């Protein structure tokens, strides 16, 4: 994966000019600002959502509470497996 990134960063001015020309041909000069604006809004919403998820995880409880919930879930799953093994369909 890093090789692909390094190849992308190793582009010369000729390749960059070609990419810009292709974008202009496909989308036109009037639509490029609209596309950039839409991409910017999408990136902003993604960042806001990821920050919100991080905040919720931080505020959800301490590590001990989370470990306790995980252990309760594992116990529940173990009990469920035992019931399924004892009562075959």
PDB file of N, CA and C in Angstrom:
ATOM      1  N   UNK A   1       0.826  -1.188   0.000  1.00  0.00           N
ATOM      2  CA  UNK A   1       0.000   0.000   0.000  1.00  0.00           C
ATOM      3  C   UNK A   1       0.869   1.250   0.000  1.00  0.00           C
ATOM      4  N   UNK A   2       1.943   1.242   0.780  1.00  0.00           N
ATOM      5  CA  UNK A   2       2.794   2.426   0.820  1.00  0.00           C
ATOM      6  C   UNK A   2       3.477   2.654  -0.521  1.00  0.00           C
ATOM      7  N   UNK A   3       3.736   1.572  -1.271  1.00  0.00           N
ATOM      8  CA  UNK A   3       4.342   1.748  -2.588  1.00  0.00           C
ATOM      9  C   UNK A   3       3.420   2.523  -3.518  1.00  0.00           C
ATOM     10  N   UNK A   4       2.116   2.255  -3.438  1.00  0.00           N
ATOM     11  CA  UNK A   4       1.148   2.979  -4.259  1.00  0.00           C
ATOM     12  C   UNK A   4       1.105   4.457  -3.896  1.00  0.00           C
ATOM     13  N   UNK A   5       1.180   4.738  -2.605  1.00  0.00           N
ATOM     14  CA  UNK A   5       1.174   6.135  -2.162  1.00  0.00           C
ATOM     15  C   UNK A   5       2.437   6.839  -2.633  1.00  0.00           C
ATOM     16  N   UNK A   6       3.575   6.151  -2.508  1.00  0.00           N
ATOM     17  CA  UNK A   6       4.828   6.757  -2.937  1.00  0.00           C
ATOM     18  C   UNK A   6       4.832   7.008  -4.443  1.00  0.00           C
ATOM     19  N   UNK A   7       4.253   6.097  -5.218  1.00  0.00           N
ATOM     20  CA  UNK A   7       4.173   6.303  -6.661  1.00  0.00           C
ATOM     21  C   UNK A   7       3.283   7.497  -6.990  1.00  0.00           C
ATOM     22  N   UNK A   8       2.205   7.637  -6.226  1.00  0.00           N
ATOM     23  CA  UNK A   8       1.313   8.771  -6.451  1.00  0.00           C
ATOM     24  C   UNK A   8       2.014  10.088  -6.141  1.00  0.00           C
ATOM     25  N   UNK A   9       2.801  10.115  -5.079  1.00  0.00           N
ATOM     26  CA  UNK A   9       3.493  11.341  -4.703  1.00  0.00           C
ATOM     27  C   UNK A   9       4.670  11.644  -5.626  1.00  0.00           C
ATOM     28  N   UNK A  10       5.097  10.691  -6.415  1.00  0.00           N
ATOM     29  CA  UNK A  10       6.241  10.855  -7.293  1.00  0.00           C
ATOM     30  C   UNK A  10       5.818  11.312  -8.689  1.00  0.00           C
ATOM     31  N   UNK A  11       4.647  11.942  -8.797  1.00  0.00           N
ATOM     32  CA  UNK A  11       4.158  12.400 -10.097  1.00  0.00           C
ATOM     33  C   UNK A  11       4.866  13.690 -10.494  1.00  0.00           C
ATOM     34  N   UNK A  12       5.116  13.810 -11.773  1.00  0.00           N
ATOM     35  CA  UNK A  12       5.738  15.016 -12.285  1.00  0.00           C
ATOM     36  C   UNK A  12       4.697  16.019 -12.739  1.00  0.00           C
ATOM     37  N   UNK A  13       5.137  17.193 -13.187  1.00  0.00           N
ATOM     38  CA  UNK A  13       4.194  18.223 -13.629  1.00  0.00           C
ATOM     39  C   UNK A  13       3.416  17.810 -14.882  1.00  0.00           C
ATOM     40  N   UNK A  14       4.013  16.994 -15.717  1.00  0.00           N
ATOM     41  CA  UNK A  14       3.302  16.538 -16.909  1.00  0.00           C
ATOM     42  C   UNK A  14       2.102  15.680 -16.570  1.00  0.00           C
ATOM     43  N   UNK A  15       2.294  14.760 -15.636  1.00  0.00           N
ATOM     44  CA  UNK A  15       1.183  13.900 -15.217  1.00  0.00           C
ATOM     45  C   UNK A  15       0.094  14.705 -14.528  1.00  0.00           C
ATOM     46  N   UNK A  16       0.500  15.661 -13.704  1.00  0.00           N
ATOM     47  CA  UNK A  16      -0.490  16.511 -13.016  1.00  0.00           C
ATOM     48  C   UNK A  16      -1.309  17.310 -14.032  1.00  0.00           C
ATOM     49  N   UNK A  17      -0.647  17.858 -15.026  1.00  0.00           N
ATOM     50  CA  UNK A  17      -1.331  18.639 -16.059  1.00  0.00           C
ATOM     51  C   UNK A  17      -2.308  17.767 -16.825  1.00  0.00           C
ATOM     52  N   UNK A  18      -1.922  16.541 -17.116  1.00  0.00           N
ATOM     53  CA  UNK A  18      -2.807  15.616 -17.819  1.00  0.00           C
ATOM     54  C   UNK A  18      -4.054  15.314 -16.994  1.00  0.00           C
ATOM     55  N   UNK A  19      -3.879  15.091 -15.705  1.00  0.00           N
ATOM     56  CA  UNK A  19      -5.016  14.815 -14.831  1.00  0.00           C
ATOM     57  C   UNK A  19      -5.962  16.009 -14.773  1.00  0.00           C
ATOM     58  N   UNK A  20      -5.419  17.211 -14.644  1.00  0.00           N
ATOM     59  CA  UNK A  20      -6.256  18.423 -14.615  1.00  0.00           C
ATOM     60  C   UNK A  20      -7.003  18.581 -15.936  1.00  0.00           C
ATOM     61  N   UNK A  21      -6.341  18.316 -17.051  1.00  0.00           N
ATOM     62  CA  UNK A  21      -6.988  18.434 -18.354  1.00  0.00           C
ATOM     63  C   UNK A  21      -8.134  17.441 -18.497  1.00  0.00           C
ATOM     64  N   UNK A  22      -7.927  16.212 -18.045  1.00  0.00           N
ATOM     65  CA  UNK A  22      -8.986  15.202 -18.124  1.00  0.00           C
ATOM     66  C   UNK A  22     -10.171  15.607 -17.258  1.00  0.00           C
ATOM     67  N   UNK A  23      -9.899  16.115 -16.074  1.00  0.00           N
ATOM     68  CA  UNK A  23     -10.981  16.559 -15.189  1.00  0.00           C
ATOM     69  C   UNK A  23     -11.759  17.704 -15.840  1.00  0.00           C
ATOM     70  N   UNK A  24     -11.061  18.657 -16.437  1.00  0.00           N
ATOM     71  CA  UNK A  24     -11.735  19.764 -17.118  1.00  0.00           C
ATOM     72  C   UNK A  24     -12.586  19.273 -18.280  1.00  0.00           C
ATOM     73  N   UNK A  25     -12.085  18.306 -19.016  1.00  0.00           N
ATOM     74  CA  UNK A  25     -12.847  17.795 -20.155  1.00  0.00           C
ATOM     75  C   UNK A  25     -14.110  17.085 -19.688  1.00  0.00           C
ATOM     76  N   UNK A  26     -13.989  16.254 -18.667  1.00  0.00           N
ATOM     77  CA  UNK A  26     -15.153  15.493 -18.203  1.00  0.00           C
ATOM     78  C   UNK A  26     -16.193  16.355 -17.503  1.00  0.00           C
ATOM     79  N   UNK A  27     -15.770  17.260 -16.649  1.00  0.00           N
ATOM     80  CA  UNK A  27     -16.711  17.987 -15.807  1.00  0.00           C
ATOM     81  C   UNK A  27     -16.958  19.425 -16.242  1.00  0.00           C
ATOM     82  N   UNK A  28     -16.056  20.025 -16.967  1.00  0.00           N
ATOM     83  CA  UNK A  28     -16.224  21.413 -17.367  1.00  0.00           C
ATOM     84  C   UNK A  28     -15.808  22.359 -16.262  1.00  0.00           C
ATOM     85  N   UNK A  29     -15.448  23.564 -16.649  1.00  0.00           N
ATOM     86  CA  UNK A  29     -14.931  24.520 -15.663  1.00  0.00           C
ATOM     87  C   UNK A  29     -16.007  25.036 -14.722  1.00  0.00           C
ATOM     88  N   UNK A  30     -17.274  24.993 -15.122  1.00  0.00           N
ATOM     89  CA  UNK A  30     -18.342  25.504 -14.261  1.00  0.00           C
ATOM     90  C   UNK A  30     -18.705  24.534 -13.150  1.00  0.00           C
ATOM     91  N   UNK A  31     -18.533  23.236 -13.392  1.00  0.00           N
ATOM     92  CA  UNK A  31     -18.944  22.242 -12.399  1.00  0.00           C
ATOM     93  C   UNK A  31     -17.866  21.915 -11.378  1.00  0.00           C
ATOM     94  N   UNK A  32     -16.631  22.244 -11.638  1.00  0.00           N
ATOM     95  CA  UNK A  32     -15.545  21.890 -10.718  1.00  0.00           C
ATOM     96  C   UNK A  32     -15.715  22.551  -9.343  1.00  0.00           C
ATOM     97  N   UNK A  33     -16.075  23.841  -9.247  1.00  0.00           N
ATOM     98  CA  UNK A  33     -16.289  24.405  -7.902  1.00  0.00           C
ATOM     99  C   UNK A  33     -17.428  23.722  -7.144  1.00  0.00           C
ATOM    100  N   UNK A  34     -18.485  23.326  -7.861  1.00  0.00           N
ATOM    101  CA  UNK A  34     -19.592  22.619  -7.208  1.00  0.00           C
ATOM    102  C   UNK A  34     -19.124  21.275  -6.669  1.00  0.00           C
ATOM    103  N   UNK A  35     -18.327  20.573  -7.467  1.00  0.00           N
ATOM    104  CA  UNK A  35     -17.814  19.267  -7.041  1.00  0.00           C
ATOM    105  C   UNK A  35     -16.906  19.426  -5.830  1.00  0.00           C
ATOM    106  N   UNK A  36     -16.021  20.421  -5.872  1.00  0.00           N
ATOM    107  CA  UNK A  36     -15.114  20.661  -4.749  1.00  0.00           C
ATOM    108  C   UNK A  36     -15.903  21.023  -3.487  1.00  0.00           C
ATOM    109  N   UNK A  37     -16.952  21.819  -3.642  1.00  0.00           N
ATOM    110  CA  UNK A  37     -17.782  22.207  -2.504  1.00  0.00           C
ATOM    111  C   UNK A  37     -18.465  20.979  -1.905  1.00  0.00           C
ATOM    112  N   UNK A  38     -18.998  20.114  -2.752  1.00  0.00           N
ATOM    113  CA  UNK A  38     -19.655  18.902  -2.281  1.00  0.00           C
ATOM    114  C   UNK A  38     -18.671  17.982  -1.571  1.00  0.00           C
ATOM    115  N   UNK A  39     -17.476  17.824  -2.138  1.00  0.00           N
ATOM    116  CA  UNK A  39     -16.455  17.004  -1.483  1.00  0.00           C
ATOM    117  C   UNK A  39     -16.065  17.589  -0.127  1.00  0.00           C
ATOM    118  N   UNK A  40     -15.928  18.902  -0.057  1.00  0.00           N
ATOM    119  CA  UNK A  40     -15.590  19.549   1.207  1.00  0.00           C
ATOM    120  C   UNK A  40     -16.652  19.325   2.266  1.00  0.00           C
ATOM    121  N   UNK A  41     -17.930  19.445   1.870  1.00  0.00           N
ATOM    122  CA  UNK A  41     -19.019  19.209   2.820  1.00  0.00           C
ATOM    123  C   UNK A  41     -19.024  17.764   3.300  1.00  0.00           C
ATOM    124  N   UNK A  42     -18.791  16.839   2.379  1.00  0.00           N
ATOM    125  CA  UNK A  42     -18.762  15.432   2.754  1.00  0.00           C
ATOM    126  C   UNK A  42     -17.635  15.127   3.721  1.00  0.00           C
ATOM    127  N   UNK A  43     -16.458  15.689   3.455  1.00  0.00           N
ATOM    128  CA  UNK A  43     -15.322  15.472   4.353  1.00  0.00           C
ATOM    129  C   UNK A  43     -15.589  16.082   5.724  1.00  0.00           C
ATOM    130  N   UNK A  44     -16.219  17.254   5.750  1.00  0.00           N
ATOM    131  CA  UNK A  44     -16.544  17.907   7.015  1.00  0.00           C
ATOM    132  C   UNK A  44     -17.545  17.065   7.815  1.00  0.00           C
ATOM    133  N   UNK A  45     -18.572  16.528   7.144  1.00  0.00           N
ATOM    134  CA  UNK A  45     -19.549  15.694   7.830  1.00  0.00           C
ATOM    135  C   UNK A  45     -18.909  14.420   8.365  1.00  0.00           C
ATOM    136  N   UNK A  46     -18.006  13.831   7.585  1.00  0.00           N
ATOM    137  CA  UNK A  46     -17.317  12.622   8.035  1.00  0.00           C
ATOM    138  C   UNK A  46     -16.480  12.917   9.274  1.00  0.00           C
ATOM    139  N   UNK A  47     -15.775  14.040   9.278  1.00  0.00           N
ATOM    140  CA  UNK A  47     -14.946  14.401  10.427  1.00  0.00           C
ATOM    141  C   UNK A  47     -15.818  14.661  11.657  1.00  0.00           C
ATOM    142  N   UNK A  48     -16.932  15.343  11.462  1.00  0.00           N
ATOM    143  CA  UNK A  48     -17.832  15.609  12.572  1.00  0.00           C
ATOM    144  C   UNK A  48     -18.382  14.317  13.148  1.00  0.00           C
ATOM    145  N   UNK A  49     -18.782  13.396  12.271  1.00  0.00           N
ATOM    146  CA  UNK A  49     -19.328  12.118  12.740  1.00  0.00           C
ATOM    147  C   UNK A  49     -18.266  11.311  13.475  1.00  0.00           C
ATOM    148  N   UNK A  50     -17.048  11.283  12.958  1.00  0.00           N
ATOM    149  CA  UNK A  50     -16.000  10.507  13.631  1.00  0.00           C
ATOM    150  C   UNK A  50     -15.639  11.135  14.973  1.00  0.00           C
ATOM    151  N   UNK A  51     -15.619  12.464  15.055  1.00  0.00           N
ATOM    152  CA  UNK A  51     -15.360  13.120  16.341  1.00  0.00           C
ATOM    153  C   UNK A  51     -16.464  12.810  17.342  1.00  0.00           C
ATOM    154  N   UNK A  52     -17.705  12.768  16.863  1.00  0.00           N
ATOM    155  CA  UNK A  52     -18.833  12.478  17.732  1.00  0.00           C
ATOM    156  C   UNK A  52     -18.760  11.038  18.260  1.00  0.00           C
ATOM    157  N   UNK A  53     -18.376  10.114  17.396  1.00  0.00           N
ATOM    158  CA  UNK A  53     -18.239   8.720  17.825  1.00  0.00           C
ATOM    159  C   UNK A  53     -17.137   8.589  18.860  1.00  0.00           C
ATOM    160  N   UNK A  54     -16.018   9.270  18.630  1.00  0.00           N
ATOM    161  CA  UNK A  54     -14.918   9.227  19.620  1.00  0.00           C
ATOM    162  C   UNK A  54     -15.377   9.776  20.965  1.00  0.00           C
ATOM    163  N   UNK A  55     -16.124  10.887  20.931  1.00  0.00           N
ATOM    164  CA  UNK A  55     -16.615  11.496  22.166  1.00  0.00           C
ATOM    165  C   UNK A  55     -17.562  10.554  22.892  1.00  0.00           C
ATOM    166  N   UNK A  56     -18.450   9.897  22.159  1.00  0.00           N
ATOM    167  CA  UNK A  56     -19.387   8.968  22.788  1.00  0.00           C
ATOM    168  C   UNK A  56     -18.655   7.789  23.412  1.00  0.00           C
ATOM    169  N   UNK A  57     -17.629   7.303  22.744  1.00  0.00           N
ATOM    170  CA  UNK A  57     -16.861   6.185  23.296  1.00  0.00           C
ATOM    171  C   UNK A  57     -16.156   6.614  24.569  1.00  0.00           C
ATOM    172  N   UNK A  58     -15.568   7.825  24.549  1.00  0.00           N
ATOM    173  CA  UNK A  58     -14.886   8.323  25.740  1.00  0.00           C
ATOM    174  C   UNK A  58     -15.845   8.498  26.904  1.00  0.00           C
ATOM    175  N   UNK A  59     -17.060   8.988  26.621  1.00  0.00           N
ATOM    176  CA  UNK A  59     -18.022   9.263  27.676  1.00  0.00           C
ATOM    177  C   UNK A  59     -18.828   8.037  28.076  1.00  0.00           C
ATOM    178  N   UNK A  60     -18.697   6.928  27.338  1.00  0.00           N
ATOM    179  CA  UNK A  60     -19.540   5.763  27.593  1.00  0.00           C
ATOM    180  C   UNK A  60     -19.211   5.087  28.924  1.00  0.00           C
ATOM    181  N   UNK A  61     -18.020   5.190  29.387  1.00  0.00           N
ATOM    182  CA  UNK A  61     -17.684   4.589  30.674  1.00  0.00           C
ATOM    183  C   UNK A  61     -16.208   4.306  30.764  1.00  0.00           C
ATOM    184  N   UNK A  62     -15.840   3.853  31.943  1.00  0.00           N
ATOM    185  CA  UNK A  62     -14.438   3.545  32.173  1.00  0.00           C
ATOM    186  C   UNK A  62     -14.087   2.202  31.539  1.00  0.00           C
ATOM    187  N   UNK A  63     -12.825   1.910  31.493  1.00  0.00           N
ATOM    188  CA  UNK A  63     -12.369   0.638  30.949  1.00  0.00           C
ATOM    189  C   UNK A  63     -12.924  -0.534  31.752  1.00  0.00           C
ATOM    190  N   UNK A  64     -13.013  -0.372  33.061  1.00  0.00           N
ATOM    191  CA  UNK A  64     -13.524  -1.453  33.906  1.00  0.00           C
ATOM    192  C   UNK A  64     -14.989  -1.732  33.596  1.00  0.00           C
ATOM    193  N   UNK A  65     -15.783  -0.690  33.382  1.00  0.00           N
ATOM    194  CA  UNK A  65     -17.187  -0.890  33.037  1.00  0.00           C
ATOM    195  C   UNK A  65     -17.324  -1.606  31.699  1.00  0.00           C
ATOM    196  N   UNK A  66     -16.512  -1.208  30.737  1.00  0.00           N
ATOM    197  CA  UNK A  66     -16.562  -1.831  29.418  1.00  0.00           C
ATOM    198  C   UNK A  66     -16.134  -3.287  29.505  1.00  0.00           C
ATOM    199  N   UNK A  67     -15.064  -3.575  30.258  1.00  0.00           N
ATOM    200  CA  UNK A  67     -14.613  -4.957  30.430  1.00  0.00           C
ATOM    201  C   UNK A  67     -15.697  -5.792  31.096  1.00  0.00           C
ATOM    202  N   UNK A  68     -16.387  -5.207  32.077  1.00  0.00           N
ATOM    203  CA  UNK A  68     -17.482  -5.922  32.739  1.00  0.00           C
ATOM    204  C   UNK A  68     -18.611  -6.240  31.771  1.00  0.00           C
ATOM    205  N   UNK A  69     -18.951  -5.294  30.910  1.00  0.00           N
ATOM    206  CA  UNK A  69     -20.005  -5.532  29.926  1.00  0.00           C
ATOM    207  C   UNK A  69     -19.587  -6.606  28.934  1.00  0.00           C
ATOM    208  N   UNK A  70     -18.323  -6.601  28.537  1.00  0.00           N
ATOM    209  CA  UNK A  70     -17.830  -7.626  27.610  1.00  0.00           C
ATOM    210  C   UNK A  70     -17.893  -9.000  28.267  1.00  0.00           C
ATOM    211  N   UNK A  71     -17.484  -9.082  29.537  1.00  0.00           N
ATOM    212  CA  UNK A  71     -17.530 -10.364  30.247  1.00  0.00           C
ATOM    213  C   UNK A  71     -18.971 -10.860  30.396  1.00  0.00           C
ATOM    214  N   UNK A  72     -19.911  -9.950  30.688  1.00  0.00           N
ATOM    215  CA  UNK A  72     -21.318 -10.342  30.779  1.00  0.00           C
ATOM    216  C   UNK A  72     -21.813 -10.874  29.445  1.00  0.00           C
ATOM    217  N   UNK A  73     -21.433 -10.233  28.376  1.00  0.00           N
ATOM    218  CA  UNK A  73     -21.831 -10.683  27.049  1.00  0.00           C
ATOM    219  C   UNK A  73     -21.263 -12.066  26.747  1.00  0.00           C
ATOM    220  N   UNK A  74     -19.982 -12.283  27.091  1.00  0.00           N
ATOM    221  CA  UNK A  74     -19.357 -13.589  26.857  1.00  0.00           C
ATOM    222  C   UNK A  74     -20.066 -14.675  27.661  1.00  0.00           C
ATOM    223  N   UNK A  75     -20.411 -14.381  28.929  1.00  0.00           N
ATOM    224  CA  UNK A  75     -21.127 -15.347  29.748  1.00  0.00           C
ATOM    225  C   UNK A  75     -22.484 -15.667  29.139  1.00  0.00           C
ATOM    226  N   UNK A  76     -23.161 -14.648  28.655  1.00  0.00           N
ATOM    227  CA  UNK A  76     -24.466 -14.844  28.026  1.00  0.00           C
ATOM    228  C   UNK A  76     -24.332 -15.752  26.805  1.00  0.00           C
ATOM    229  N   UNK A  77     -23.302 -15.514  26.002  1.00  0.00           N
ATOM    230  CA  UNK A  77     -23.091 -16.320  24.801  1.00  0.00           C
ATOM    231  C   UNK A  77     -22.730 -17.756  25.171  1.00  0.00           C
ATOM    232  N   UNK A  78     -21.938 -17.943  26.225  1.00  0.00           N
ATOM    233  CA  UNK A  78     -21.592 -19.293  26.666  1.00  0.00           C
ATOM    234  C   UNK A  78     -22.835 -20.058  27.108  1.00  0.00           C
ATOM    235  N   UNK A  79     -23.710 -19.383  27.859  1.00  0.00           N
ATOM    236  CA  UNK A  79     -24.956 -20.013  28.313  1.00  0.00           C
ATOM    237  C   UNK A  79     -25.819 -20.372  27.110  1.00  0.00           C
ATOM    238  N   UNK A  80     -25.885 -19.483  26.158  1.00  0.00           N
ATOM    239  CA  UNK A  80     -26.689 -19.726  24.960  1.00  0.00           C
ATOM    240  C   UNK A  80     -26.151 -20.927  24.180  1.00  0.00           C
ATOM    241  N   UNK A  81     -24.827 -21.026  24.064  1.00  0.00           N
ATOM    242  CA  UNK A  81     -24.231 -22.174  23.364  1.00  0.00           C
ATOM    243  C   UNK A  81     -24.529 -23.483  24.090  1.00  0.00           C
ATOM    244  N   UNK A  82     -24.466 -23.468  25.427  1.00  0.00           N
ATOM    245  CA  UNK A  82     -24.765 -24.664  26.191  1.00  0.00           C
ATOM    246  C   UNK A  82     -26.211 -25.100  25.971  1.00  0.00           C
ATOM    247  N   UNK A  83     -27.121 -24.141  25.937  1.00  0.00           N
ATOM    248  CA  UNK A  83     -28.536 -24.465  25.713  1.00  0.00           C
ATOM    249  C   UNK A  83     -28.728 -25.044  24.318  1.00  0.00           C
ATOM    250  N   UNK A  84     -28.074 -24.456  23.333  1.00  0.00           N
ATOM    251  CA  UNK A  84     -28.198 -24.950  21.958  1.00  0.00           C
ATOM    252  C   UNK A  84     -27.601 -26.343  21.825  1.00  0.00           C
ATOM    253  N   UNK A  85     -26.489 -26.613  22.515  1.00  0.00           N
ATOM    254  CA  UNK A  85     -25.859 -27.933  22.444  1.00  0.00           C
ATOM    255  C   UNK A  85     -26.704 -29.003  23.146  1.00  0.00           C
ATOM    256  N   UNK A  86     -27.406 -28.642  24.221  1.00  0.00           N
ATOM    257  CA  UNK A  86     -28.225 -29.595  24.967  1.00  0.00           C
ATOM    258  C   UNK A  86     -29.574 -29.825  24.302  1.00  0.00           C
ATOM    259  N   UNK A  87     -30.015 -28.885  23.485  1.00  0.00           N
ATOM    260  CA  UNK A  87     -31.319 -29.015  22.822  1.00  0.00           C
ATOM    261  C   UNK A  87     -31.143 -28.962  21.317  1.00  0.00           C
ATOM    262  N   UNK A  88     -30.641 -30.036  20.712  1.00  0.00           N
ATOM    263  CA  UNK A  88     -30.465 -30.003  19.247  1.00  0.00           C
ATOM    264  C   UNK A  88     -31.827 -29.956  18.568  1.00  0.00           C
ATOM    265  N   UNK A  89     -31.855 -29.335  17.429  1.00  0.00           N
ATOM    266  CA  UNK A  89     -33.125 -29.176  16.701  1.00  0.00           C
ATOM    267  C   UNK A  89     -33.422 -30.368  15.855  1.00  0.00           C
TER     268      UNK A  89
END
